[in-house]
């Protein structure tokens, strides 16, 4: 560790000490509560056995314990309030620093801004967009004309032969026949199940 600590390191160290102090006070409060519980239990026992001298002593100790606990609770409350105020101040400081940085960036941005060059670039971009739009319209028109043209009869024959058409039709017919046969099989199975059920009842 270096001999000299940075500002951030000192800030973190202070926060750690504050948190440690809060934990110590909370622990002391819990300890005083435990003492009070023990004193109360002992006082009941003293009254039960009729030891008035011990009872008075325990009662005095319990009063001191309650006073100590209340004092620690007040200290804890004061530290927590001070910590909240510190956090508010820290937030305000960070806000001020951030606003200062933003203001500096805005000033630098306006200082570097060249509206004339920006306008020229914008006009050039608009002109390019219009030119691209016109070229796209011409291209689409050409595609529509090409797609809408009739295909010569000879070209269609060369692309798909009569045999291929026949095979396509035959495959479709076979598919329909297979579907019909499947339905007939299902119907026959259902009839057979019905007949079997009827015979069992008889």
Protein backbone atom coordinates (compact mmCIF):
# COMPACT_ATOMS: atom_id res chain seq x y z
CA UNK A 1 0.00 0.00 0.00
CA UNK A 2 1.32 3.42 -0.91
CA UNK A 3 2.20 6.02 1.66
CA UNK A 4 -0.30 8.52 0.29
CA UNK A 5 -3.90 7.48 -0.33
CA UNK A 6 -6.03 8.86 -3.11
CA UNK A 7 -9.17 10.85 -2.48
CA UNK A 8 -11.35 7.89 -3.46
CA UNK A 9 -9.42 5.53 -1.19
CA UNK A 10 -9.85 7.89 1.76
CA UNK A 11 -13.58 8.18 1.02
CA UNK A 12 -13.99 4.40 0.93
CA UNK A 13 -12.02 4.06 4.16
CA UNK A 14 -14.26 6.61 5.90
CA UNK A 15 -17.37 4.77 4.74
CA UNK A 16 -15.99 1.49 6.06
CA UNK A 17 -15.28 3.06 9.46
CA UNK A 18 -18.79 4.51 9.61
CA UNK A 19 -20.38 1.16 8.76
CA UNK A 20 -18.18 -0.59 11.30
CA UNK A 21 -19.22 1.94 13.95
CA UNK A 22 -22.90 1.34 13.16
CA UNK A 23 -22.43 -2.42 13.44
CA UNK A 24 -20.66 -2.01 16.80
CA UNK A 25 -23.49 0.09 18.21
CA UNK A 26 -26.11 -2.36 16.93
CA UNK A 27 -24.20 -5.19 18.56
CA UNK A 28 -24.01 -3.26 21.83
CA UNK A 29 -27.77 -2.63 21.75
CA UNK A 30 -28.46 -6.33 21.26
CA UNK A 31 -26.09 -7.10 24.11
CA UNK A 32 -27.83 -4.64 26.45
CA UNK A 33 -31.17 -6.22 25.54
CA UNK A 34 -29.76 -9.61 26.45
CA UNK A 35 -28.54 -8.19 29.76
CA UNK A 36 -32.00 -6.76 30.42
CA UNK A 37 -33.66 -10.10 29.69
CA UNK A 38 -31.27 -11.84 32.09
CA UNK A 39 -31.84 -9.22 34.81
CA UNK A 40 -35.62 -9.55 34.44
CA UNK A 41 -35.40 -13.31 34.74
CA UNK A 42 -33.17 -13.01 37.82
CA UNK A 43 -35.48 -10.43 39.39
CA UNK A 44 -38.43 -12.79 39.04
CA UNK A 45 -36.41 -15.53 40.65
CA UNK A 46 -35.40 -13.20 43.52
CA UNK A 47 -39.03 -12.30 44.21
CA UNK A 48 -40.00 -15.94 43.98
CA UNK A 49 -37.54 -16.94 46.69
CA UNK A 50 -38.24 -13.80 48.74
CA UNK A 51 -34.73 -12.26 48.46
CA UNK A 52 -35.64 -8.58 48.57
CA UNK A 53 -32.04 -7.36 48.78
CA UNK A 54 -31.10 -9.12 45.55
CA UNK A 55 -34.31 -7.94 43.98
CA UNK A 56 -33.47 -4.29 44.70
CA UNK A 57 -29.92 -4.75 43.40
CA UNK A 58 -31.15 -6.36 40.19
CA UNK A 59 -33.75 -3.66 39.73
CA UNK A 60 -31.06 -0.98 39.98
CA UNK A 61 -28.86 -2.83 37.48
CA UNK A 62 -31.82 -3.22 35.14
CA UNK A 63 -32.47 0.54 35.31
CA UNK A 64 -28.85 1.25 34.34
CA UNK A 65 -29.06 -1.30 31.54
CA UNK A 66 -32.23 0.27 30.14
CA UNK A 67 -30.62 3.72 30.30
CA UNK A 68 -27.52 2.43 28.50
CA UNK A 69 -29.63 0.80 25.80
CA UNK A 70 -31.62 3.99 25.26
CA UNK A 71 -28.43 6.03 25.00
CA UNK A 72 -27.00 3.61 22.42
CA UNK A 73 -30.23 3.74 20.43
CA UNK A 74 -30.06 7.53 20.38
CA UNK A 75 -26.45 7.37 19.22
CA UNK A 76 -27.38 4.93 16.47
CA UNK A 77 -30.23 7.17 15.35
CA UNK A 78 -27.93 10.20 15.27
CA UNK A 79 -25.33 8.35 13.18
CA UNK A 80 -27.94 7.09 10.73
CA UNK A 81 -29.39 10.58 10.31
CA UNK A 82 -25.92 12.02 9.79
CA UNK A 83 -25.20 9.30 7.23
CA UNK A 84 -28.37 10.17 5.32
CA UNK A 85 -27.39 13.84 5.26
CA UNK A 86 -23.93 12.87 4.07
CA UNK A 87 -25.41 10.74 1.28
CA UNK A 88 -27.64 13.62 0.22
CA UNK A 89 -24.64 15.93 0.12
CA UNK A 90 -22.68 13.36 -1.87
CA UNK A 91 -25.53 13.03 -4.36
CA UNK A 92 -25.63 16.82 -4.75
CA UNK A 93 -21.88 16.90 -5.29
CA UNK A 94 -22.07 14.19 -7.95
CA UNK A 95 -24.94 16.04 -9.61
CA UNK A 96 -22.93 19.23 -9.72
CA UNK A 97 -19.91 17.43 -11.17
CA UNK A 98 -22.04 15.68 -13.79
CA UNK A 99 -23.72 18.92 -14.81
CA UNK A 100 -20.32 20.55 -15.11
CA UNK A 101 -19.09 17.77 -17.40
CA UNK A 102 -22.25 17.92 -19.50
CA UNK A 103 -21.98 21.69 -19.82
CA UNK A 104 -18.38 21.35 -20.95
CA UNK A 105 -19.34 18.70 -23.52
CA UNK A 106 -22.19 20.85 -24.83
CA UNK A 107 -19.87 23.80 -25.18
CA UNK A 108 -17.31 21.71 -27.03
CA UNK A 109 -20.00 20.22 -29.28
CA UNK A 110 -21.30 23.64 -30.27
CA UNK A 111 -17.78 24.86 -30.78
CA UNK A 112 -17.05 22.00 -33.18
CA UNK A 113 -20.39 22.19 -34.98
CA UNK A 114 -20.29 23.23 -38.65
CA UNK A 115 -23.87 23.79 -39.77
CA UNK A 116 -22.86 24.74 -43.30
CA UNK A 117 -21.07 21.44 -43.83
CA UNK A 118 -23.95 19.54 -42.22
CA UNK A 119 -26.45 21.21 -44.55
CA UNK A 120 -24.34 20.40 -47.60
CA UNK A 121 -24.07 16.76 -46.55
CA UNK A 122 -27.83 16.60 -46.00
CA UNK A 123 -28.62 18.02 -49.43
CA UNK A 124 -26.22 15.56 -51.02
CA UNK A 125 -27.84 12.66 -49.16
CA UNK A 126 -31.33 13.75 -50.27
CA UNK A 127 -30.20 13.96 -53.90
CA UNK A 128 -28.65 10.50 -53.70
CA UNK A 129 -31.82 9.11 -52.17
CA UNK A 130 -33.95 10.56 -54.97
CA UNK A 131 -31.60 9.16 -57.59
CA UNK A 132 -31.67 5.74 -55.94
CA UNK A 133 -35.47 5.85 -55.76
CA UNK A 134 -35.74 6.63 -59.47
CA UNK A 135 -33.35 3.82 -60.37
CA UNK A 136 -35.29 1.42 -58.17
CA UNK A 137 -38.58 2.33 -59.88
CA UNK A 138 -37.03 1.70 -63.30
CA UNK A 139 -35.67 -1.64 -62.10
CA UNK A 140 -39.04 -2.73 -60.68
CA UNK A 141 -40.85 -1.72 -63.86
CA UNK A 142 -38.42 -3.79 -65.89
CA UNK A 143 -38.97 -6.78 -63.60
CA UNK A 144 -42.76 -6.50 -63.88
CA UNK A 145 -42.59 -6.32 -67.65
CA UNK A 146 -40.30 -9.32 -67.77
CA UNK A 147 -42.49 -11.36 -65.41
CA UNK A 148 -45.73 -10.36 -67.15
CA UNK A 149 -44.59 -11.37 -70.62
CA UNK A 150 -46.07 -14.51 -72.17
CA UNK A 151 -43.94 -17.62 -72.37
CA UNK A 152 -43.74 -19.05 -75.91
CA UNK A 153 -45.45 -22.39 -76.38
CA UNK A 154 -42.27 -24.12 -77.46
CA UNK A 155 -40.42 -22.92 -74.39
CA UNK A 156 -43.10 -24.37 -72.09
CA UNK A 157 -42.85 -27.74 -73.82
CA UNK A 158 -39.12 -27.75 -73.38
CA UNK A 159 -39.40 -26.99 -69.66
CA UNK A 160 -41.97 -29.70 -68.74
CA UNK A 161 -42.63 -32.78 -70.89
CA UNK A 162 -45.93 -34.60 -71.33
CA UNK A 163 -44.54 -37.62 -69.48
CA UNK A 164 -43.81 -35.51 -66.41
CA UNK A 165 -47.35 -34.14 -66.45
CA UNK A 166 -48.74 -37.70 -66.70
CA UNK A 167 -46.63 -38.84 -63.75
CA UNK A 168 -47.80 -35.91 -61.66
CA UNK A 169 -51.46 -36.73 -62.43
CA UNK A 170 -50.95 -40.43 -61.74
CA UNK A 171 -49.26 -39.70 -58.41
CA UNK A 172 -52.19 -37.52 -57.39
CA UNK A 173 -54.69 -40.23 -58.34
CA UNK A 174 -52.76 -42.85 -56.39
CA UNK A 175 -52.68 -40.60 -53.35
CA UNK A 176 -56.45 -40.17 -53.47
CA UNK A 177 -56.99 -43.92 -53.87
CA UNK A 178 -54.71 -44.63 -50.93
CA UNK A 179 -56.62 -42.18 -48.77
CA UNK A 180 -59.94 -43.79 -49.72
CA UNK A 181 -58.60 -47.27 -48.96
CA UNK A 182 -57.43 -46.05 -45.58
CA UNK A 183 -60.91 -44.76 -44.78
CA UNK A 184 -62.44 -48.10 -45.81
CA UNK A 185 -60.01 -49.98 -43.56
CA UNK A 186 -60.94 -47.78 -40.61
CA UNK A 187 -64.65 -48.34 -41.29
CA UNK A 188 -64.21 -52.11 -41.46
CA UNK A 189 -62.26 -52.11 -38.18
CA UNK A 190 -64.98 -50.08 -36.49
CA UNK A 191 -67.68 -52.47 -37.74
CA UNK A 192 -65.67 -55.43 -36.50
CA UNK A 193 -65.35 -53.85 -33.05
CA UNK A 194 -69.08 -53.20 -32.92
CA UNK A 195 -69.86 -56.79 -33.89
CA UNK A 196 -67.46 -58.12 -31.29
CA UNK A 197 -69.08 -56.02 -28.57
CA UNK A 198 -72.56 -57.23 -29.56
CA UNK A 199 -71.51 -60.90 -29.45
CA UNK A 200 -70.03 -60.49 -25.98
CA UNK A 201 -73.32 -59.03 -24.72
CA UNK A 202 -75.27 -61.97 -26.21
